[in-house]
Protein backbone atom coordinates (compact mmCIF):
# COMPACT_ATOMS: atom_id res chain seq x y z
CA MET A 1 129.79 106.42 73.44
CA GLN A 2 130.99 103.07 74.77
CA LYS A 3 130.95 104.46 78.32
CA THR A 4 127.38 105.67 77.86
CA LYS A 5 126.26 102.22 76.68
CA GLU A 6 127.97 100.53 79.63
CA THR A 7 126.36 102.98 82.05
CA SER A 8 122.97 102.28 80.48
CA ARG A 9 123.51 98.53 80.82
CA GLN A 10 124.53 98.92 84.45
CA ALA A 11 121.47 101.06 85.13
CA GLY A 12 119.25 98.38 83.62
CA ARG A 13 120.85 95.67 85.72
CA ALA A 14 120.53 97.79 88.85
CA LEU A 15 116.84 98.36 88.17
CA GLN A 16 116.31 94.63 87.56
CA ALA A 17 118.13 93.80 90.78
CA THR A 18 115.99 96.32 92.66
CA TRP A 19 112.80 94.82 91.26
CA ALA A 20 114.01 91.34 92.17
CA LEU A 21 114.85 92.48 95.70
CA ILE A 22 111.48 94.18 96.17
CA MET A 23 109.56 91.19 94.80
CA GLY A 24 111.55 88.78 96.96
CA ILE A 25 110.87 90.81 100.11
CA THR A 26 107.21 91.14 99.17
CA LEU A 27 106.84 87.37 98.72
CA LEU A 28 108.49 86.85 102.09
CA HIS A 29 106.03 89.28 103.68
CA LEU A 30 103.10 87.47 102.08
CA LEU A 31 104.43 84.17 103.42
CA VAL A 32 104.81 85.43 106.98
CA ALA A 33 101.68 87.63 107.12
CA PRO A 34 99.09 84.92 107.96
CA GLY A 35 101.20 83.41 110.76
CA ILE A 36 100.21 85.58 113.71
CA GLY A 37 97.34 87.68 115.01
CA LEU A 38 97.12 91.45 114.82
CA SER A 39 99.44 93.52 116.98
CA VAL A 40 98.16 96.29 119.22
CA ASP A 41 98.52 99.02 116.59
CA GLU A 42 97.21 96.87 113.73
CA ALA A 43 94.03 96.05 115.63
CA HIS A 44 93.59 99.68 116.66
CA TYR A 45 93.79 100.90 113.07
CA ALA A 46 91.60 98.06 111.82
CA LEU A 47 88.97 99.47 114.19
CA TYR A 48 89.50 102.80 112.44
CA GLY A 49 88.31 101.09 109.29
CA LEU A 50 85.19 99.80 111.04
CA HIS A 51 84.42 103.21 112.54
CA LEU A 52 85.07 105.51 109.60
CA ASP A 53 85.50 109.15 110.51
CA TRP A 54 87.19 112.33 109.31
CA SER A 55 90.01 111.79 111.78
CA TYR A 56 90.80 110.10 115.10
CA PHE A 57 92.14 110.80 118.57
CA ASP A 58 95.77 109.86 118.02
CA HIS A 59 96.31 109.98 114.23
CA PRO A 60 94.88 111.31 110.96
CA PRO A 61 92.48 109.01 109.10
CA MET A 62 94.50 107.51 106.24
CA VAL A 63 95.15 104.14 107.90
CA GLY A 64 91.46 103.72 108.61
CA TRP A 65 90.40 104.78 105.14
CA LEU A 66 92.82 102.33 103.55
CA GLN A 67 91.71 99.43 105.77
CA ALA A 68 88.10 100.26 104.92
CA LEU A 69 88.90 99.33 101.31
CA ILE A 70 89.68 95.76 102.42
CA LEU A 71 87.08 95.16 105.15
CA PRO A 72 84.05 94.71 102.84
CA PHE A 73 85.85 91.78 101.18
CA SER A 74 87.67 90.18 104.10
CA GLN A 75 88.38 90.86 107.76
CA SER A 76 91.07 88.22 108.11
CA ASP A 77 94.46 89.06 109.58
CA PHE A 78 96.11 88.22 106.25
CA ALA A 79 93.81 90.49 104.24
CA LEU A 80 94.45 93.42 106.58
CA ARG A 81 98.18 93.13 105.82
CA LEU A 82 97.89 93.26 102.03
CA ILE A 83 97.79 97.05 101.77
CA PRO A 84 100.82 97.71 104.03
CA ILE A 85 102.81 95.09 102.12
CA THR A 86 101.89 96.85 98.88
CA LEU A 87 102.75 100.27 100.33
CA SER A 88 106.18 99.03 101.41
CA ALA A 89 106.97 97.65 97.96
CA ALA A 90 105.86 100.88 96.29
CA ALA A 91 107.88 103.03 98.72
CA SER A 92 111.02 100.99 97.98
CA LEU A 93 110.60 101.54 94.26
CA VAL A 94 110.08 105.29 94.78
CA LEU A 95 113.18 105.36 97.01
CA TYR A 96 115.21 103.81 94.19
CA GLN A 97 113.95 106.42 91.72
CA LEU A 98 114.54 109.28 94.17
CA ALA A 99 118.11 108.12 94.81
CA ARG A 100 118.85 108.13 91.07
CA GLU A 101 117.40 111.64 90.73
CA LEU A 102 119.25 113.01 93.76
CA PHE A 103 122.63 111.75 92.53
CA PRO A 104 122.44 111.14 88.75
CA ASP A 105 126.22 111.44 88.43
CA GLN A 106 126.87 108.51 90.79
CA SER A 107 126.99 104.76 90.18
CA PRO A 108 123.83 103.31 88.61
CA TRP A 109 123.77 100.93 91.57
CA LEU A 110 123.30 103.70 94.12
CA GLY A 111 119.51 103.32 94.14
CA PHE A 112 119.79 99.58 94.70
CA VAL A 113 122.19 100.08 97.61
CA ALA A 114 119.86 102.68 99.14
CA VAL A 115 116.95 100.22 99.04
CA VAL A 116 119.11 97.46 100.55
CA LEU A 117 120.21 99.74 103.39
CA PHE A 118 116.66 100.78 104.15
CA GLN A 119 115.00 97.38 103.81
CA GLY A 120 117.70 95.80 105.97
CA GLY A 121 116.27 97.41 109.07
CA ILE A 122 114.14 95.04 111.15
CA ILE A 123 111.76 97.88 111.98
CA ILE A 124 111.14 98.47 108.26
CA GLN A 125 110.40 94.78 107.78
CA LEU A 126 107.87 94.84 110.60
CA LEU A 127 106.28 98.09 109.40
CA ALA A 128 105.83 96.49 105.99
CA MET A 129 103.43 93.90 107.41
CA ALA A 130 101.43 96.14 109.72
CA MET A 131 99.01 98.84 108.69
CA VAL A 132 100.31 101.74 110.75
CA PRO A 133 100.53 105.44 109.80
CA ASP A 134 104.21 105.17 108.86
CA GLY A 135 103.40 102.96 105.85
CA PRO A 136 101.43 105.50 103.83
CA LEU A 137 103.60 108.32 105.22
CA LEU A 138 106.73 106.72 103.74
CA LEU A 139 105.21 106.31 100.29
CA PHE A 140 103.47 109.69 100.07
CA GLY A 141 106.37 111.47 101.77
CA LEU A 142 108.95 110.16 99.30
CA LEU A 143 106.65 110.98 96.39
CA ALA A 144 106.12 114.49 97.77
CA ILE A 145 109.88 115.08 97.97
CA ARG A 146 110.40 113.76 94.46
CA TYR A 147 107.83 116.10 92.91
CA LEU A 148 108.78 119.05 95.12
CA ARG A 149 112.34 118.82 93.81
CA ARG A 150 111.08 118.71 90.25
CA ALA A 151 108.76 121.65 90.86
CA LEU A 152 111.51 123.76 92.46
CA ASN A 153 113.89 122.99 89.61
CA HIS A 154 111.53 123.26 86.63
CA ASN A 155 108.47 125.13 87.96
CA GLY A 156 106.11 122.80 86.10
CA LEU A 157 102.44 123.16 87.03
CA ARG A 158 101.94 119.37 87.01
CA ASP A 159 104.85 118.86 89.41
CA TRP A 160 103.49 121.51 91.78
CA LEU A 161 100.05 119.91 91.70
CA LEU A 162 101.45 116.43 92.40
CA SER A 163 103.70 117.73 95.18
CA GLY A 164 100.67 119.32 96.87
CA LEU A 165 98.66 116.15 96.37
CA PHE A 166 101.28 113.92 97.99
CA LEU A 167 101.98 116.41 100.78
CA GLY A 168 98.27 116.40 101.58
CA LEU A 169 98.10 112.60 101.51
CA ALA A 170 101.15 112.47 103.78
CA GLY A 171 99.38 114.88 106.12
CA LEU A 172 96.37 112.57 106.16
CA SER A 173 98.71 109.73 107.13
CA LYS A 174 100.68 111.07 110.11
CA TYR A 175 101.36 114.39 111.79
CA THR A 176 105.09 113.85 111.23
CA ALA A 177 104.36 115.04 107.68
CA ILE A 178 104.72 118.59 109.02
CA THR A 179 108.48 118.03 108.74
CA LEU A 180 108.03 117.75 104.96
CA ALA A 181 106.63 121.28 104.89
CA VAL A 182 109.60 122.42 106.98
CA GLY A 183 111.92 120.64 104.56
CA ALA A 184 110.26 122.34 101.59
CA LEU A 185 110.86 125.76 103.15
CA LEU A 186 114.47 124.85 103.89
CA ALA A 187 114.97 123.64 100.31
CA LEU A 188 113.41 126.84 99.02
CA GLY A 189 115.81 128.96 101.06
CA ALA A 190 118.94 126.80 100.71
CA GLY A 191 118.48 126.72 96.94
CA LYS A 192 117.93 130.51 96.88
CA GLN A 193 114.64 130.05 95.08
CA TRP A 194 112.49 132.53 96.97
CA ARG A 195 111.24 133.72 93.60
CA ARG A 196 109.12 130.58 93.55
CA LEU A 197 106.92 132.27 96.16
CA LEU A 198 105.53 134.28 93.27
CA SER A 199 104.80 131.16 91.24
CA PRO A 200 101.12 130.24 90.85
CA GLY A 201 102.22 126.61 90.91
CA LEU A 202 103.54 126.87 94.46
CA TRP A 203 100.26 128.27 95.72
CA LEU A 204 98.40 125.59 93.79
CA ALA A 205 100.45 123.03 95.76
CA VAL A 206 99.74 124.81 99.04
CA GLY A 207 96.04 125.00 98.29
CA THR A 208 95.85 121.35 97.23
CA GLY A 209 97.63 120.16 100.37
CA PHE A 210 95.50 122.34 102.62
CA LEU A 211 92.30 121.16 100.97
CA LEU A 212 93.26 117.52 101.56
CA ILE A 213 93.94 117.98 105.29
CA LEU A 214 90.69 119.86 105.92
CA PRO A 215 88.99 116.68 107.27
CA VAL A 216 91.62 116.49 110.04
CA LEU A 217 91.18 120.16 110.90
CA TRP A 218 87.40 119.91 110.91
CA TRP A 219 87.35 116.80 113.11
CA ASN A 220 89.72 118.39 115.60
CA HIS A 221 87.68 121.59 115.60
CA ILE A 222 84.51 119.78 116.65
CA HIS A 223 86.43 117.67 119.22
CA ASP A 224 88.18 120.55 121.02
CA TRP A 225 91.48 119.89 119.21
CA ILE A 226 92.12 116.79 121.32
CA SER A 227 94.30 115.13 118.69
CA PHE A 228 96.65 118.10 118.36
CA ASN A 229 96.81 118.55 122.12
CA TYR A 230 97.62 114.86 122.57
CA GLN A 231 100.39 114.92 119.98
CA LEU A 232 101.93 118.08 121.45
CA GLN A 233 102.15 116.37 124.83
CA HIS A 234 103.06 112.93 123.49
CA GLY A 235 106.78 112.30 123.52
CA THR A 236 107.55 115.27 125.80
CA LYS A 237 106.51 113.70 129.09
CA GLY A 238 109.95 113.96 130.68
CA SER A 239 110.34 116.95 132.98
CA HIS A 240 113.91 117.55 131.87
CA TRP A 241 116.28 116.57 129.08
CA SER A 242 118.33 113.49 129.99
CA ALA A 243 121.47 112.26 128.24
CA GLY A 244 120.59 108.73 129.34
CA ARG A 245 117.20 108.85 127.63
CA PHE A 246 118.79 110.38 124.55
CA LEU A 247 121.40 107.63 124.29
CA LEU A 248 118.76 104.95 124.90
CA SER A 249 116.68 106.34 122.03
CA GLN A 250 119.69 106.44 119.74
CA ALA A 251 120.62 102.87 120.68
CA GLY A 252 117.12 101.86 119.64
CA GLN A 253 117.68 103.56 116.27
CA LEU A 254 120.99 101.74 115.81
CA LEU A 255 119.43 98.34 116.49
CA ALA A 256 116.19 98.93 114.59
CA TYR A 257 117.80 100.10 111.36
CA THR A 258 120.86 98.62 109.73
CA PRO A 259 123.96 99.71 111.68
CA ALA A 260 125.46 100.73 108.34
CA LEU A 261 122.54 103.05 107.62
CA TYR A 262 122.57 104.56 111.10
CA LEU A 263 126.35 105.03 111.43
CA PHE A 264 127.23 105.95 107.86
CA GLY A 265 123.98 107.86 107.50
CA TRP A 266 124.91 110.25 110.28
CA VAL A 267 128.49 110.53 108.98
CA ALA A 268 127.19 111.30 105.49
CA LEU A 269 124.69 113.87 106.80
CA ILE A 270 127.32 115.65 108.90
CA GLN A 271 129.89 115.65 106.11
CA GLY A 272 127.15 116.69 103.73
CA LEU A 273 126.97 120.05 105.49
CA ARG A 274 130.25 120.86 103.71
CA GLU A 275 128.72 119.85 100.35
CA TYR A 276 125.49 121.77 100.68
CA ARG A 277 125.99 123.34 97.25
CA HIS A 278 125.41 119.92 95.66
CA PRO A 279 121.66 119.89 94.88
CA GLY A 280 121.14 116.26 95.92
CA VAL A 281 123.07 116.63 99.15
CA ARG A 282 121.34 119.91 99.96
CA ASP A 283 117.85 118.50 99.44
CA THR A 284 118.67 115.39 101.46
CA LEU A 285 119.79 117.57 104.36
CA CYS A 286 116.70 119.77 104.10
CA PHE A 287 114.22 116.89 104.22
CA ALA A 288 116.01 114.31 106.40
CA LEU A 289 117.36 116.45 109.22
CA PRO A 290 114.04 117.93 110.43
CA VAL A 291 112.72 114.43 111.21
CA LEU A 292 115.94 113.03 112.65
CA LEU A 293 116.76 116.08 114.75
CA LEU A 294 113.20 116.49 116.02
CA PHE A 295 112.97 112.96 117.41
CA GLY A 296 116.66 112.86 118.25
CA TRP A 297 116.41 115.86 120.57
CA ASN A 298 113.00 114.78 121.81
CA GLY A 299 114.50 111.43 122.81
CA GLY A 300 116.19 113.24 125.68
CA PHE A 301 112.79 114.04 127.16
CA TYR A 302 111.08 110.76 126.39
CA ALA A 303 112.42 107.51 124.90
CA THR A 304 111.19 107.75 121.30
CA LEU A 305 110.05 104.71 119.37
CA PRO A 306 112.31 103.60 116.49
CA HIS A 307 109.69 103.81 113.77
CA TRP A 308 109.05 107.51 114.38
CA THR A 309 112.18 108.33 112.36
CA ALA A 310 111.48 105.95 109.46
CA LEU A 311 110.80 108.77 107.00
CA GLY A 312 114.05 110.51 107.96
CA TRP A 313 116.14 107.39 107.42
CA ALA A 314 114.41 106.66 104.12
CA ILE A 315 115.39 110.13 102.89
CA ALA A 316 118.95 109.73 104.22
CA ALA A 317 119.45 106.29 102.65
CA PRO A 318 120.57 107.56 99.19
CA LEU A 319 123.15 109.88 100.78
CA ALA A 320 124.43 107.04 102.98
CA ALA A 321 124.61 104.77 99.92
CA ARG A 322 126.60 107.43 98.05
CA TRP A 323 129.03 107.78 100.96
CA ILE A 324 129.56 104.01 101.13
CA LEU A 325 130.08 103.57 97.38
CA GLN A 326 132.59 106.42 97.27
CA ARG A 327 134.61 104.79 100.07
CA TRP A 328 134.08 101.12 99.27
CA GLN A 329 137.81 100.56 98.81
CA GLN A 330 138.40 101.47 102.44
CA ARG A 331 138.62 98.29 104.49
CA PRO A 332 136.84 99.63 107.64
CA VAL A 333 133.88 100.63 105.48
CA ARG A 334 133.62 97.20 103.86
CA ILE A 335 133.95 95.39 107.21
CA THR A 336 131.26 97.57 108.81
CA VAL A 337 128.88 97.01 105.90
CA TRP A 338 129.37 93.23 105.93
CA LEU A 339 128.97 93.03 109.71
CA SER A 340 125.84 95.14 109.39
CA ALA A 341 124.52 92.81 106.69
CA ILE A 342 125.17 89.75 108.88
CA TYR A 343 123.46 91.41 111.86
CA SER A 344 120.41 92.42 109.82
CA GLY A 345 120.14 89.08 108.04
CA LEU A 346 120.33 87.04 111.23
CA LEU A 347 117.85 89.28 113.04
CA ILE A 348 115.34 89.14 110.19
CA LEU A 349 115.81 85.36 109.93
CA VAL A 350 115.18 84.88 113.67
CA VAL A 351 112.09 87.08 113.73
CA TYR A 352 110.51 85.69 110.56
CA SER A 353 111.21 82.06 111.46
CA GLN A 354 109.62 82.66 114.87
CA LEU A 355 106.54 84.16 113.25
CA LEU A 356 106.29 81.25 110.80
CA VAL A 357 107.07 78.34 113.13
CA PRO A 358 107.38 79.33 116.81
CA TRP A 359 110.54 77.69 118.12
CA MET A 360 111.93 79.92 120.88
CA PRO A 361 112.28 78.21 124.27
CA PHE A 362 110.44 79.99 127.07
CA GLN A 363 109.17 79.58 130.58
CA ALA A 364 105.44 79.17 131.16
CA ASN A 365 103.57 82.47 130.68
CA ASN A 366 106.80 84.25 129.78
CA HIS A 367 107.12 83.97 126.01
CA PRO A 368 109.24 86.83 124.54
CA LEU A 369 106.46 87.55 122.01
CA ARG A 370 103.62 86.86 124.44
CA ASP A 371 101.84 90.12 123.58
CA LEU A 372 101.16 88.76 120.07
CA TYR A 373 99.45 85.51 121.03
CA GLY A 374 95.97 84.51 122.07
CA TRP A 375 93.95 87.68 121.72
CA GLU A 376 91.35 86.20 119.40
CA GLN A 377 90.67 83.32 121.81
CA ALA A 378 90.69 85.74 124.74
CA ALA A 379 88.15 88.05 123.09
CA GLN A 380 85.83 85.20 122.13
CA ARG A 381 85.93 83.84 125.68
CA ALA A 382 85.23 87.30 127.12
CA GLU A 383 82.22 87.71 124.84
CA GLN A 384 80.93 84.27 125.79
CA LEU A 385 81.20 85.09 129.51
CA ARG A 386 79.58 88.49 128.97
CA ARG A 387 76.57 86.92 127.31
CA GLN A 388 76.18 84.54 130.23
CA MET A 389 75.81 87.44 132.65
CA PRO A 390 72.20 88.52 133.15
CA ASP A 391 71.64 92.18 132.35
CA SER A 392 70.59 94.44 135.18
CA PRO A 393 67.66 96.77 134.35
CA GLY A 394 68.82 99.23 131.72
CA LYS A 395 72.47 98.30 132.09
CA PRO A 396 73.72 95.48 129.83
CA ALA A 397 76.90 93.70 130.84
CA GLN A 398 80.10 95.12 129.32
CA ILE A 399 83.61 93.93 128.51
CA PHE A 400 86.29 95.84 130.41
CA VAL A 401 90.07 96.05 130.01
CA GLU A 402 92.78 97.97 131.85
CA ASN A 403 94.15 100.09 128.99
CA TRP A 404 93.80 100.89 125.31
CA THR A 405 96.51 98.44 124.19
CA TYR A 406 94.38 95.56 125.46
CA ALA A 407 91.21 97.21 124.19
CA SER A 408 92.43 97.28 120.60
CA ARG A 409 92.80 93.50 120.33
CA ILE A 410 89.79 92.56 122.46
CA ALA A 411 87.53 95.06 120.66
CA TRP A 412 88.69 93.89 117.22
CA TYR A 413 88.24 90.19 117.86
CA ALA A 414 85.03 90.64 119.88
CA ARG A 415 83.52 93.03 117.32
CA PRO A 416 80.93 94.50 117.28
CA THR A 417 80.71 94.25 121.10
CA PRO A 418 81.83 97.51 122.78
CA VAL A 419 84.91 97.35 125.01
CA GLN A 420 85.41 99.94 127.74
CA VAL A 421 88.77 101.02 129.16
CA LEU A 422 89.19 101.43 132.91
CA ASP A 423 92.20 103.75 132.96
CA GLN A 424 91.52 107.43 133.44
CA ARG A 425 92.90 108.61 130.11
CA PHE A 426 90.29 109.86 127.64
CA ASP A 427 91.07 108.39 124.21
CA GLN A 428 89.57 106.93 121.05
CA PHE A 429 87.81 104.10 122.89
CA ASP A 430 85.89 106.60 125.00
CA LEU A 431 84.78 108.24 121.75
CA TRP A 432 83.73 104.93 120.22
CA PHE A 433 82.26 103.01 123.16
CA GLY A 434 81.83 105.58 125.90
CA SER A 435 83.48 105.75 129.31
CA PRO A 436 82.48 103.30 132.06
CA GLN A 437 79.42 104.49 133.97
CA LYS A 438 78.77 104.04 137.67
CA GLY A 439 76.80 100.92 138.46
CA THR A 440 77.91 99.11 135.32
CA ARG A 441 78.73 95.42 135.48
CA GLY A 442 80.56 93.06 133.16
CA ILE A 443 83.60 90.92 132.41
CA LEU A 444 87.11 92.20 133.04
CA VAL A 445 89.81 90.48 130.97
CA THR A 446 93.54 90.95 131.47
CA PRO A 447 96.69 89.07 130.39
CA SER A 448 98.78 87.43 133.09
CA TYR A 449 101.74 89.73 132.44
CA TYR A 450 99.81 92.88 133.41
CA ARG A 451 101.73 94.53 136.25
CA GLY A 452 99.64 97.62 136.97
CA LYS A 453 97.04 98.11 139.65
CA PRO A 454 94.20 95.61 139.12
CA GLY A 455 91.18 97.03 137.34
CA SER A 456 88.97 95.13 139.77
CA ARG A 457 89.58 97.91 142.31
CA PHE A 458 87.12 100.06 140.38
CA PHE A 459 84.22 97.72 141.22
CA ALA A 460 82.34 96.99 144.41
CA HIS A 461 82.86 93.26 143.90
CA CYS A 462 84.70 91.01 141.43
CA THR A 463 84.81 87.21 141.23
CA GLU A 464 87.68 85.58 139.37
CA LEU A 465 86.60 83.03 136.78
CA ASP A 466 88.49 80.20 135.13
CA PRO A 467 91.60 81.47 133.29
CA LEU A 468 92.39 80.84 129.63
CA PRO A 469 95.93 79.54 128.98
CA VAL A 470 97.11 80.04 125.39
CA LEU A 471 99.31 77.08 124.54
CA LEU A 472 102.35 77.20 122.30
CA ASN A 473 104.32 73.99 121.79
CA GLY A 474 102.35 72.46 124.64
CA LYS A 475 103.23 75.21 127.11
CA PRO A 476 101.21 78.34 128.05
CA ALA A 477 102.75 81.34 126.29
CA VAL A 478 100.33 83.62 128.12
CA THR A 479 97.29 83.16 130.32
CA PHE A 480 94.28 85.44 130.28
CA ARG A 481 92.44 86.10 133.54
CA TYR A 482 88.72 86.87 133.75
CA PHE A 483 86.69 88.57 136.45
CA SER A 484 82.94 88.91 136.77
CA CYS A 485 82.55 92.38 138.23
CA GLU A 486 79.58 94.23 139.72
CA ASP A 487 78.86 97.91 140.41
CA TYR A 488 81.49 100.08 138.77
CA ARG A 489 82.40 102.91 141.18
CA GLY A 490 84.82 104.96 139.13
CA SER A 491 88.31 106.16 139.93
CA GLU A 492 89.70 106.04 143.41
């Protein structure tokens, strides 16, 4: 009886500590959020919200639909970060609850440790302030796993319905959600619960999830399946598997997440293969490994981005926390965890302090975060120059950029002016604003750090105009170049 009371008290303290941690991180995000303009992905998905559709070229529509909830009230950079900050806080709370349900026989502090491990990753901190597909995927994915486990164990109709709902919402967030369906099948087989295939609840979940992703299927159907084709090719550009690329991708994972989560997470997953009869271990393996192995192997073909595995590491965090707590008395484990905490804390401090009050020394036009500065001023200047150009008969002057990463920021801050991309890849900007047409004229804007072939080669004649230096601490962090171009001729 006394032990039960003590366990209950510890559980209450752990929950309070988790709430305090989540609220503290959220306040920090709110403090930092107004300090810098939108990144390339943030601006791209903000444009989703301005151009509402059933789906988009590179991702399902959830990010755009969520941003559309904010845009009628405010289009400020700070406002556009409120939803991702909220999603991150909610996902952390769900992670705590999922950890407690996966391993109810472990320390009441396991959920807290899992949240600390996950939130310690610098990539998770950055994702929390940017509306990208991984934000809603993390929340809906963790919720889907939680209710799928309940449905498989208890066969409750409500749990099946909610699991289908959250699987569908995850599918509307990012195509990586397909790994959740794979995980569900693995959990069904590993738990020897094939009898659930006869359950009406399971088919209710399948039907609910399928109904929710119909907008994505319909949009792709009427656009020749360009989104699916793009995703199938994306990340497999390498002609052969390379150990060097694989190791580079894994090094990125190590640095982006807490070293403790990456190192002990893999150790716990591998050792967990010998404990697969434990329900929590088994389900963690079923849902975490499809994501981690998919992008792990794929990293040998093409250097994968660290945030692609965020869902996998979120699922693995409770198992890693369990492994650490069980071996906390071992000195190497404690040293690794503390070194990891120091690394993560210093990295987060450096990044957040730079975003709040830029202090890093840099050479002119070579700031380490130069891609984050000056896009609003650059877009406004481009629009001003465009308006000063007289329109030729039937062909108004345009704004041009070299690639979609520049287009996202220029198009957002110059809205509603169309921005056309000069590279030869057909993407979302061609769908929104059309591809450049022969004979078109306009203003070409490019940052000074662009190293590709100049877009001016596509025109019969271009005249360089006065540049725009973006000053930071009295020194140009980046300079934007402008060209007045005539007679677009197309690709070489």
